[in-house]
Amino acid sequence: MPIARALLISGAETPARTDRITDVTNPYTGATYATVAAAGAADVTAAVDAAAAAFETWAALPPSERRAIFLRAADLLEGRAEEAIEHMAGEVGGARPWAQFNVATAAGVLREAAAAVTAPRGDVLSAAQPGVLGFAVREPLGVVAAFAPWNAPIILSTRAVAAPLAAGNTVVLKASEAAPLSSGLLIAEVLHDAGLPPGVLGVLTNDPADAAEVGRALIADERVRAVNFTGSTQVGRIIGTLAAEHLKPAVLELGGKNSVIVLDDADIDYAVRAAVFGAFANSGQICMSADRILVHESVADEFLGKFAAAVGSLPTGDPADPHTVIGPLVNPAAAQRVSKLVADAIAHGATVHAGGGEPAGAVYPATVLTGVPATAAIHHEEIFGPVCVLDTFATEVEAVAKANDTEHGLSAGVITENATRGLRVAAGLRTGIVHVNDQSVGDEPQAPFGGVKNSGYGRFGGRWGIDAFSATRWVTVATEQLPFPG
């Protein structure tokens, strides 16, 4: 029987006002994995009502008590790892290693949030007048609207709520339509079991057809004071525009067109292993996935031979099989989209060295292309699937220029045995994240995470997350009577 779940409002499961429900389909089997409540605008209002009512009490809760909730939640999440793995496989076809990574990283996000609760926040200022003390202090904003995606659902739903809650805000989270359990309801359950008071975190689930209505209603509510979105650049533009219309700050973590640069002094076997991980982890459905591997021309033949062989041997199929690396994409339509990108590249003269062809349902084989011209759609579109394009360069300047030839700017990797050289190349890359002697996929809870250009703005992680979801107040204290005129 499919799992049946409702909305989470005021700490309780609540059906949609219209009693509508929507199905969640397993992308590998095609069976219904879950049914969830289909929220509408009235449900958005109810969730914001609860969050607004809970704000003052939550913001005033002693930091040590808030910290303890996050620490307990991290332990509880790790204890529910098998459930999380099952949800990710059933909702989005996540392979077991990827789901395990999601749980471990999300637990780290919760522990980092716990640390942030009691970390020093604010500054003592130099006052212009004797006898005055000045302070800059950080204060919560109020209700935060959070939007979580499906591709790393446990990590990204946790990240969507952890920093805003740690800063003293309350949150209404709109879970992904594709993964409502693993991108919202699971983390909310964990936090409430850890002691989060009712109303502090609400979760909305909805039918895909209602996504725009629910999102607009949430952002437009005057009690929502900030917006937090992770997802595609296309939808991020809409979210950012809506937030700007209502004069609300937003943190937008959007798509990427990421490159890994392999210099001529790289250990080729290491570079191949790194590139395979960077391009094909979670079947390439990561915003930091390496769409492009740029290889120095002097080592390109050796790299391509080893890389194509490694990619062609990746275990593919059932995400429930612990050995599977390439599982299904989020749905058959996504696999068809990737297939069309590959077909278009071939029509423009590209060569296939592994994979290619038609998808089997939602499964598309890991694919390696070379000779992709700038006229092919895959040259500039984010692939978001198990396909990687190889290209060559002759100089570091050319490598940097090719890596920067995109509207996106999220992540990059530079693989070299010379760290000084790697840092020199990294300095020229226009990305929010760069890893030297590593590939493009990396996520650590304490690090500033985010991109530039069309990859969004704002940063998650550590103190940067707290700063994003709090406001600075200037406070002065006159320690003696001031010499006013008159």
Protein backbone atom coordinates (compact mmCIF):
# COMPACT_ATOMS: atom_id res chain seq x y z
CA MET A 1 0.00 0.00 0.00
CA PRO A 2 1.28 3.52 -0.77
CA ILE A 3 2.30 5.70 2.15
CA ALA A 4 -0.37 8.31 2.95
CA ARG A 5 0.64 11.66 4.44
CA ALA A 6 -0.99 15.04 5.14
CA LEU A 7 0.29 18.59 5.55
CA LEU A 8 2.17 19.52 8.72
CA ILE A 9 0.62 22.61 10.34
CA SER A 10 0.93 23.58 14.02
CA GLY A 11 2.83 20.38 14.64
CA ALA A 12 -0.03 18.13 13.50
CA GLU A 13 -0.85 16.26 10.32
CA THR A 14 -3.61 18.22 8.60
CA PRO A 15 -5.51 17.38 5.41
CA ALA A 16 -5.78 20.00 2.69
CA ARG A 17 -8.81 22.28 3.09
CA THR A 18 -10.26 20.78 -0.08
CA ASP A 19 -9.36 17.20 0.96
CA ARG A 20 -7.46 16.85 -2.32
CA ILE A 21 -4.53 14.46 -2.55
CA THR A 22 -1.81 13.80 -5.13
CA ASP A 23 0.26 10.75 -6.01
CA VAL A 24 4.04 10.30 -5.88
CA THR A 25 5.31 7.81 -8.46
CA ASN A 26 8.37 5.56 -8.16
CA PRO A 27 10.42 6.45 -11.26
CA TYR A 28 11.94 2.98 -11.56
CA THR A 29 8.83 0.80 -11.13
CA GLY A 30 6.12 3.26 -12.18
CA ALA A 31 4.08 2.31 -9.09
CA THR A 32 2.55 4.82 -6.68
CA TYR A 33 4.93 5.17 -3.75
CA ALA A 34 2.92 7.67 -1.67
CA THR A 35 -0.14 9.90 -1.63
CA VAL A 36 0.08 13.29 0.02
CA ALA A 37 -2.24 16.22 0.66
CA ALA A 38 -2.53 18.71 -2.19
CA ALA A 39 -2.36 22.14 -0.60
CA GLY A 40 -3.93 25.29 -1.99
CA ALA A 41 -3.77 28.98 -1.09
CA ALA A 42 -5.97 28.54 2.01
CA ASP A 43 -3.55 25.94 3.37
CA VAL A 44 -0.65 28.33 2.81
CA THR A 45 -2.42 30.92 4.94
CA ALA A 46 -3.03 28.38 7.69
CA ALA A 47 0.63 27.35 7.74
CA VAL A 48 1.82 30.97 7.87
CA ASP A 49 -0.75 31.68 10.63
CA ALA A 50 0.85 28.95 12.73
CA ALA A 51 4.40 30.06 11.97
CA ALA A 52 3.65 33.70 12.76
CA ALA A 53 1.97 32.75 16.05
CA ALA A 54 4.98 30.64 17.08
CA PHE A 55 7.65 33.21 16.16
CA GLU A 56 7.94 35.28 19.33
CA THR A 57 8.15 32.27 21.63
CA TRP A 58 10.67 30.47 19.43
CA ALA A 59 12.87 33.54 19.01
CA ALA A 60 12.87 34.03 22.81
CA LEU A 61 13.71 30.41 23.63
CA PRO A 62 17.10 30.23 25.38
CA PRO A 63 19.87 29.41 22.89
CA SER A 64 20.95 26.36 24.87
CA GLU A 65 17.48 24.86 24.47
CA ARG A 66 17.38 25.55 20.73
CA ARG A 67 20.87 24.09 20.37
CA ALA A 68 19.81 20.91 22.15
CA ILE A 69 16.90 20.40 19.73
CA PHE A 70 19.21 20.47 16.72
CA LEU A 71 21.67 18.05 18.31
CA ARG A 72 18.91 15.60 19.19
CA ALA A 73 17.50 15.92 15.67
CA ALA A 74 20.86 14.99 14.12
CA ASP A 75 20.98 11.80 16.17
CA LEU A 76 17.36 10.96 15.36
CA LEU A 77 17.91 11.47 11.63
CA GLU A 78 20.88 9.11 11.63
CA GLY A 79 18.71 6.58 13.48
CA ARG A 80 16.15 6.77 10.65
CA ALA A 81 18.69 6.27 7.88
CA GLU A 82 17.05 3.16 6.46
CA GLU A 83 13.70 4.91 6.23
CA ALA A 84 15.35 7.85 4.48
CA ILE A 85 17.08 5.53 2.01
CA GLU A 86 13.76 3.85 1.24
CA HIS A 87 12.02 7.18 0.66
CA MET A 88 14.73 8.44 -1.70
CA ALA A 89 14.62 5.25 -3.76
CA GLY A 90 10.82 5.22 -3.87
CA GLU A 91 10.34 8.90 -4.68
CA VAL A 92 13.24 9.89 -6.92
CA GLY A 93 15.20 6.70 -7.64
CA GLY A 94 18.12 7.68 -5.44
CA ALA A 95 20.77 4.93 -5.22
CA ARG A 96 21.70 3.72 -1.75
CA PRO A 97 25.20 5.34 -1.55
CA TRP A 98 23.72 8.70 -2.55
CA ALA A 99 20.94 8.39 0.03
CA GLN A 100 23.48 7.47 2.73
CA PHE A 101 25.49 10.56 1.83
CA ASN A 102 22.31 12.63 2.10
CA VAL A 103 21.63 11.40 5.63
CA ALA A 104 25.20 11.92 6.82
CA THR A 105 25.46 15.41 5.35
CA ALA A 106 22.03 16.47 6.63
CA ALA A 107 22.98 15.35 10.13
CA GLY A 108 26.08 17.51 9.78
CA VAL A 109 23.92 20.47 8.73
CA LEU A 110 21.85 20.05 11.91
CA ARG A 111 24.95 19.91 14.10
CA GLU A 112 26.38 22.98 12.38
CA ALA A 113 23.06 24.75 13.04
CA ALA A 114 23.34 23.77 16.69
CA ALA A 115 26.79 25.36 16.84
CA ALA A 116 25.52 28.49 15.11
CA VAL A 117 22.78 28.99 17.72
CA THR A 118 25.30 29.72 20.47
CA ALA A 119 28.06 31.26 18.33
CA PRO A 120 28.84 34.95 18.96
CA ARG A 121 26.80 37.23 16.69
CA GLY A 122 27.31 40.97 16.50
CA ASP A 123 29.97 43.65 16.93
CA VAL A 124 30.92 46.37 19.37
CA LEU A 125 31.16 49.63 17.41
CA SER A 126 33.34 52.69 17.84
CA ALA A 127 30.93 55.45 18.83
CA ALA A 128 31.40 59.01 17.60
CA GLN A 129 30.55 60.52 20.96
CA PRO A 130 32.15 59.93 24.37
CA GLY A 131 29.96 58.15 26.87
CA VAL A 132 28.16 56.04 24.22
CA LEU A 133 28.49 52.34 23.49
CA GLY A 134 27.42 51.09 20.07
CA PHE A 135 26.49 47.56 19.04
CA ALA A 136 25.56 45.79 15.81
CA VAL A 137 23.43 42.77 16.69
CA ARG A 138 21.80 40.07 14.59
CA GLU A 139 18.09 39.46 15.03
CA PRO A 140 15.64 37.03 13.38
CA LEU A 141 13.41 38.26 10.58
CA GLY A 142 10.14 36.43 11.29
CA VAL A 143 8.58 33.80 9.03
CA VAL A 144 10.81 32.41 6.27
CA ALA A 145 9.41 30.75 3.12
CA ALA A 146 11.60 27.81 2.11
CA PHE A 147 11.51 25.76 -1.11
CA ALA A 148 13.27 22.38 -1.23
CA PRO A 149 14.14 20.44 -4.42
CA TRP A 150 14.06 16.70 -5.13
CA ASN A 151 17.56 15.82 -6.28
CA ALA A 152 19.32 15.80 -2.88
CA PRO A 153 16.09 15.90 -0.90
CA ILE A 154 17.27 15.14 2.61
CA ILE A 155 20.30 17.43 2.46
CA LEU A 156 18.48 20.29 0.78
CA SER A 157 15.31 20.20 2.88
CA THR A 158 17.48 20.21 6.00
CA ARG A 159 19.56 23.08 4.67
CA ALA A 160 16.39 24.95 3.72
CA VAL A 161 15.20 25.06 7.32
CA ALA A 162 18.27 24.68 9.58
CA ALA A 163 19.88 28.11 9.28
CA PRO A 164 16.60 30.07 9.37
CA LEU A 165 15.49 28.16 12.47
CA ALA A 166 18.89 28.52 14.12
CA ALA A 167 18.70 32.28 13.58
CA GLY A 168 15.40 32.33 15.50
CA ASN A 169 12.95 32.43 12.59
CA THR A 170 9.99 30.18 12.00
CA VAL A 171 9.69 28.44 8.63
CA VAL A 172 7.05 27.28 6.19
CA LEU A 173 8.65 24.73 3.87
CA LYS A 174 7.18 23.87 0.47
CA ALA A 175 8.40 20.37 -0.24
CA SER A 176 9.20 19.17 -3.75
CA GLU A 177 6.25 17.66 -5.59
CA ALA A 178 8.48 14.77 -6.65
CA ALA A 179 9.78 13.99 -3.15
CA PRO A 180 7.45 15.34 -0.46
CA LEU A 181 8.51 12.78 2.15
CA SER A 182 12.26 13.02 1.76
CA SER A 183 12.33 16.74 0.89
CA GLY A 184 10.22 17.96 3.79
CA LEU A 185 8.05 15.72 5.90
CA LEU A 186 10.86 13.48 7.14
CA ILE A 187 13.06 16.31 8.45
CA ALA A 188 10.04 18.01 10.02
CA GLU A 189 9.16 14.79 11.86
CA VAL A 190 12.72 14.46 13.09
CA LEU A 191 12.83 18.05 14.38
CA HIS A 192 9.46 17.75 16.11
CA ASP A 193 10.49 14.47 17.71
CA ALA A 194 13.59 16.31 18.92
CA GLY A 195 11.43 18.90 20.68
CA LEU A 196 10.73 21.63 18.10
CA PRO A 197 7.59 23.44 19.33
CA PRO A 198 4.39 23.25 17.25
CA GLY A 199 4.09 25.88 14.52
CA VAL A 200 7.81 26.64 14.29
CA LEU A 201 8.14 24.52 11.16
CA GLY A 202 5.24 23.81 8.80
CA VAL A 203 5.41 21.67 5.66
CA LEU A 204 3.23 22.10 2.58
CA THR A 205 2.85 19.41 -0.08
CA ASN A 206 1.02 20.04 -3.33
CA ASP A 207 0.06 18.69 -6.70
CA PRO A 208 2.50 19.71 -9.47
CA ALA A 209 -0.29 21.63 -11.21
CA ASP A 210 -0.68 23.83 -8.13
CA ALA A 211 3.01 24.64 -7.62
CA ALA A 212 2.81 28.19 -8.96
CA GLU A 213 -0.31 29.02 -6.93
CA VAL A 214 1.16 27.68 -3.68
CA GLY A 215 4.53 29.37 -4.25
CA ARG A 216 3.01 32.74 -5.08
CA ALA A 217 0.67 32.65 -2.09
CA LEU A 218 3.53 31.81 0.24
CA ILE A 219 5.86 34.55 -0.99
CA ALA A 220 3.07 37.15 -1.15
CA ASP A 221 1.95 36.69 2.47
CA GLU A 222 2.99 39.89 4.24
CA ARG A 223 4.11 37.95 7.33
CA VAL A 224 6.76 36.10 5.31
CA ARG A 225 9.91 38.19 5.59
CA ALA A 226 12.49 36.22 3.57
CA VAL A 227 12.63 33.58 0.84
CA ASN A 228 14.95 30.61 0.55
CA PHE A 229 14.99 28.65 -2.75
CA THR A 230 17.12 25.86 -4.16
CA GLY A 231 16.27 24.63 -7.64
CA SER A 232 16.55 25.36 -11.33
CA THR A 233 17.61 28.72 -12.73
CA GLN A 234 14.35 28.93 -14.68
CA VAL A 235 12.18 28.68 -11.56
CA GLY A 236 14.69 30.69 -9.53
CA ARG A 237 14.13 33.68 -11.81
CA ILE A 238 10.42 33.54 -11.01
CA ILE A 239 11.01 33.15 -7.27
CA GLY A 240 13.52 36.00 -7.22
CA THR A 241 11.17 38.27 -9.14
CA LEU A 242 8.28 37.52 -6.78
CA ALA A 243 10.46 38.17 -3.74
CA ALA A 244 11.67 41.45 -5.20
CA GLU A 245 8.09 42.56 -5.95
CA HIS A 246 7.31 42.17 -2.25
CA LEU A 247 10.66 43.67 -1.10
CA LYS A 248 11.76 40.45 0.56
CA PRO A 249 15.37 39.25 0.61
CA ALA A 250 16.03 35.92 -1.07
CA VAL A 251 18.77 33.32 -1.12
CA LEU A 252 18.77 31.53 -4.48
CA GLU A 253 20.92 28.44 -5.11
CA LEU A 254 20.33 27.59 -8.75
CA GLY A 255 21.72 25.51 -11.61
CA GLY A 256 25.27 24.98 -12.79
CA LYS A 257 27.28 24.24 -15.91
CA ASN A 258 30.36 23.03 -14.11
CA SER A 259 33.78 22.06 -15.43
CA VAL A 260 36.62 19.93 -14.12
CA ILE A 261 39.99 20.95 -15.57
CA VAL A 262 42.63 18.20 -15.82
CA LEU A 263 46.10 19.72 -16.20
CA ASP A 264 49.00 17.94 -17.90
CA ASP A 265 50.73 17.10 -14.59
CA ALA A 266 47.67 15.34 -13.14
CA ASP A 267 47.73 11.74 -11.97
CA ILE A 268 45.52 10.39 -14.76
CA ASP A 269 44.12 7.42 -12.85
CA TYR A 270 43.16 9.72 -9.97
CA ALA A 271 41.70 12.27 -12.39
CA VAL A 272 39.56 9.58 -14.03
CA ARG A 273 38.16 8.41 -10.68
CA ALA A 274 37.46 11.99 -9.63
CA ALA A 275 35.80 12.89 -12.93
CA VAL A 276 33.58 9.79 -12.91
CA PHE A 277 32.33 10.72 -9.46
CA GLY A 278 31.87 14.38 -10.33
CA ALA A 279 29.95 13.67 -13.52
CA PHE A 280 27.87 10.63 -12.58
CA ALA A 281 27.08 10.72 -8.85
CA ASN A 282 23.28 10.59 -8.49
CA SER A 283 23.11 10.01 -12.24
CA GLY A 284 24.37 13.56 -12.82
CA GLN A 285 21.37 15.11 -11.06
CA ILE A 286 23.37 17.43 -8.80
CA CYS A 287 23.67 21.17 -9.32
CA MET A 288 27.46 20.77 -8.97
CA SER A 289 27.75 17.85 -11.42
CA ALA A 290 30.59 18.07 -13.92
CA ASP A 291 28.92 18.59 -17.29
CA ARG A 292 32.32 19.18 -18.88
CA ILE A 293 35.76 17.67 -18.39
CA LEU A 294 38.47 19.86 -19.91
CA VAL A 295 41.69 17.87 -20.44
CA HIS A 296 45.12 19.09 -21.51
CA GLU A 297 45.72 17.93 -25.08
CA SER A 298 48.95 16.11 -24.16
CA VAL A 299 47.10 13.65 -21.89
CA ALA A 300 43.69 13.68 -23.55
CA ASP A 301 43.95 10.34 -25.38
CA GLU A 302 45.03 8.47 -22.25
CA PHE A 303 42.37 10.15 -20.14
CA LEU A 304 39.57 9.54 -22.65
CA GLY A 305 40.37 5.85 -23.02
CA LYS A 306 40.39 5.21 -19.29
CA PHE A 307 37.44 7.49 -18.60
CA ALA A 308 35.17 5.97 -21.24
CA ALA A 309 36.01 2.46 -20.03
CA ALA A 310 35.22 3.38 -16.43
CA VAL A 311 31.96 5.06 -17.36
CA GLY A 312 30.87 2.16 -19.53
CA SER A 313 31.27 -0.24 -16.60
CA LEU A 314 29.17 1.71 -14.08
CA PRO A 315 26.40 -0.53 -12.60
CA THR A 316 23.04 0.68 -13.84
CA GLY A 317 19.41 -0.02 -12.93
CA ASP A 318 17.49 -0.65 -9.72
CA PRO A 319 18.26 1.98 -7.04
CA ALA A 320 17.41 -0.58 -4.35
CA ASP A 321 20.44 -2.64 -5.44
CA PRO A 322 23.33 -1.45 -3.22
CA HIS A 323 25.76 -1.74 -6.15
CA THR A 324 23.82 0.56 -8.48
CA VAL A 325 25.56 3.80 -9.42
CA ILE A 326 23.37 4.96 -12.32
CA GLY A 327 19.76 4.69 -11.20
CA PRO A 328 16.69 6.18 -12.83
CA LEU A 329 16.30 9.87 -13.40
CA VAL A 330 13.51 11.60 -11.53
CA ASN A 331 10.94 10.56 -14.16
CA PRO A 332 10.78 9.24 -17.74
CA ALA A 333 10.34 12.76 -19.11
CA ALA A 334 13.71 13.75 -17.64
CA ALA A 335 15.35 10.74 -19.32
CA GLN A 336 13.75 11.69 -22.65
CA ARG A 337 15.04 15.24 -22.28
CA VAL A 338 18.62 13.98 -21.75
CA SER A 339 18.28 11.59 -24.68
CA LYS A 340 17.22 14.47 -26.95
CA LEU A 341 20.22 16.54 -25.84
CA VAL A 342 22.54 13.67 -26.77
CA ALA A 343 20.79 13.09 -30.11
CA ASP A 344 21.08 16.80 -30.92
CA ALA A 345 24.79 16.76 -30.08
CA ILE A 346 25.33 13.77 -32.37
CA ALA A 347 23.41 15.50 -35.14
CA HIS A 348 25.82 18.42 -34.76
CA GLY A 349 28.87 16.15 -35.12
CA ALA A 350 29.59 14.85 -31.61
CA THR A 351 31.07 11.38 -31.06
CA VAL A 352 29.77 8.91 -28.45
CA HIS A 353 32.44 6.97 -26.51
CA ALA A 354 30.14 5.33 -23.96
CA GLY A 355 26.40 5.07 -23.50
CA GLY A 356 24.03 6.97 -25.74
CA GLY A 357 20.85 5.67 -27.32
CA GLU A 358 17.33 5.63 -25.97
CA PRO A 359 16.32 5.51 -22.29
CA ALA A 360 14.68 2.49 -20.68
CA GLY A 361 11.83 4.18 -18.87
CA ALA A 362 13.51 6.68 -16.54
CA VAL A 363 16.96 5.08 -16.84
CA TYR A 364 19.48 6.62 -19.22
CA PRO A 365 22.95 5.06 -19.61
CA ALA A 366 26.06 6.90 -18.49
CA THR A 367 27.28 8.67 -21.62
CA VAL A 368 30.54 10.29 -22.74
CA LEU A 369 30.70 12.70 -25.70
CA THR A 370 33.53 14.46 -27.52
CA GLY A 371 33.54 16.88 -30.41
CA VAL A 372 30.50 18.82 -29.20
CA PRO A 373 30.28 22.14 -31.08
CA ALA A 374 28.97 25.38 -29.61
CA THR A 375 25.89 25.06 -31.83
CA ALA A 376 24.66 21.98 -29.94
CA ALA A 377 22.17 22.62 -27.12
CA ILE A 378 24.15 20.49 -24.68
CA HIS A 379 27.08 22.89 -25.00
CA HIS A 380 25.25 25.57 -23.03
CA GLU A 381 22.27 23.87 -21.31
CA GLU A 382 22.64 22.28 -17.89
CA ILE A 383 22.44 18.52 -18.57
CA PHE A 384 21.18 17.31 -15.18
CA GLY A 385 21.60 13.71 -16.22
CA PRO A 386 24.29 11.03 -16.67
CA VAL A 387 26.07 12.64 -19.62
CA CYS A 388 29.49 14.27 -19.72
CA VAL A 389 31.25 16.19 -22.50
CA LEU A 390 35.04 16.02 -22.90
CA ASP A 391 37.02 18.81 -24.51
CA THR A 392 40.72 19.65 -24.74
CA PHE A 393 42.89 22.72 -24.23
CA ALA A 394 46.48 23.70 -24.95
CA THR A 395 47.11 26.35 -22.28
CA GLU A 396 45.83 27.28 -18.84
CA VAL A 397 44.39 30.49 -20.27
CA GLU A 398 42.37 28.49 -22.81
CA ALA A 399 41.13 26.10 -20.10
CA VAL A 400 39.91 28.97 -17.93
CA ALA A 401 38.23 30.65 -20.90
CA LYS A 402 36.36 27.46 -21.81
CA ALA A 403 35.30 26.84 -18.21
CA ASN A 404 34.00 30.41 -17.93
CA ASP A 405 32.12 30.21 -21.25
CA THR A 406 28.74 29.75 -19.59
CA GLU A 407 26.02 31.87 -18.02
CA HIS A 408 26.35 29.81 -14.84
CA GLY A 409 28.96 30.03 -12.11
CA LEU A 410 28.42 27.49 -9.36
CA SER A 411 31.33 25.07 -8.97
CA ALA A 412 34.52 23.83 -10.62
CA GLY A 413 37.46 21.48 -10.07
CA VAL A 414 41.11 21.72 -11.05
CA ILE A 415 43.12 18.48 -10.96
CA THR A 416 46.87 18.88 -10.73
CA GLU A 417 49.79 17.64 -8.64
CA ASN A 418 50.96 21.24 -8.17
CA ALA A 419 48.80 23.11 -5.67
CA THR A 420 50.32 26.50 -6.53
CA ARG A 421 49.49 25.97 -10.19
CA GLY A 422 46.02 24.78 -9.24
CA LEU A 423 45.37 27.90 -7.20
CA ARG A 424 46.53 30.07 -10.11
CA VAL A 425 44.04 28.41 -12.45
CA ALA A 426 41.31 28.51 -9.80
CA ALA A 427 41.77 32.25 -9.39
CA GLY A 428 40.59 32.80 -12.95
CA LEU A 429 37.40 30.76 -12.65
CA ARG A 430 34.15 32.68 -12.18
CA THR A 431 32.40 30.35 -9.78
CA GLY A 432 31.18 30.52 -6.20
CA ILE A 433 33.00 27.27 -5.39
CA VAL A 434 36.25 25.77 -6.67
CA HIS A 435 38.13 22.66 -5.55
CA VAL A 436 41.84 22.20 -6.32
CA ASN A 437 42.99 18.63 -6.97
CA ASP A 438 39.36 17.57 -6.71
CA GLN A 439 36.21 17.45 -8.83
CA SER A 440 33.24 19.82 -8.75
CA VAL A 441 30.85 18.09 -6.31
CA GLY A 442 31.32 18.95 -2.64
CA ASP A 443 29.15 20.03 0.25
CA GLU A 444 30.23 20.76 3.81
CA PRO A 445 27.82 22.27 6.35
CA GLN A 446 30.27 24.86 7.67
CA ALA A 447 31.33 26.20 4.25
CA PRO A 448 29.77 29.10 2.29
CA PHE A 449 27.74 27.40 -0.43
CA GLY A 450 26.37 29.23 -3.46
CA GLY A 451 27.12 30.55 -6.91
CA VAL A 452 27.51 33.63 -9.08
CA LYS A 453 25.99 34.71 -12.39
CA ASN A 454 22.93 32.58 -13.26
CA SER A 455 23.73 30.16 -10.48
CA GLY A 456 22.10 32.50 -7.98
CA TYR A 457 23.09 34.68 -5.05
CA GLY A 458 23.43 34.45 -1.30
CA ARG A 459 25.19 31.76 0.69
CA PHE A 460 24.18 28.81 2.84
CA GLY A 461 26.42 27.24 5.46
CA GLY A 462 27.99 28.27 8.76
CA ARG A 463 27.75 31.91 9.77
CA TRP A 464 26.82 32.86 6.19
CA GLY A 465 23.52 31.03 6.57
CA ILE A 466 22.78 32.82 9.82
CA ASP A 467 23.59 36.18 8.23
CA ALA A 468 21.29 35.41 5.28
CA PHE A 469 18.28 34.87 7.55
CA SER A 470 18.77 37.58 10.12
CA ALA A 471 18.87 41.38 10.14
CA THR A 472 21.48 43.70 11.61
CA ARG A 473 20.26 46.19 14.20
CA TRP A 474 22.29 49.17 15.42
CA VAL A 475 21.88 49.68 19.16
CA THR A 476 23.47 52.41 21.29
CA VAL A 477 23.63 52.90 25.04
CA ALA A 478 24.46 56.30 26.53
CA THR A 479 26.42 55.61 29.72
CA GLU A 480 26.02 59.23 30.84
CA GLN A 481 23.70 62.13 30.11
CA LEU A 482 24.47 63.61 26.70
CA PRO A 483 25.13 67.34 26.13
CA PHE A 484 22.03 68.29 24.12
CA PRO A 485 21.79 71.98 23.18
CA GLY A 486 19.37 74.28 24.97
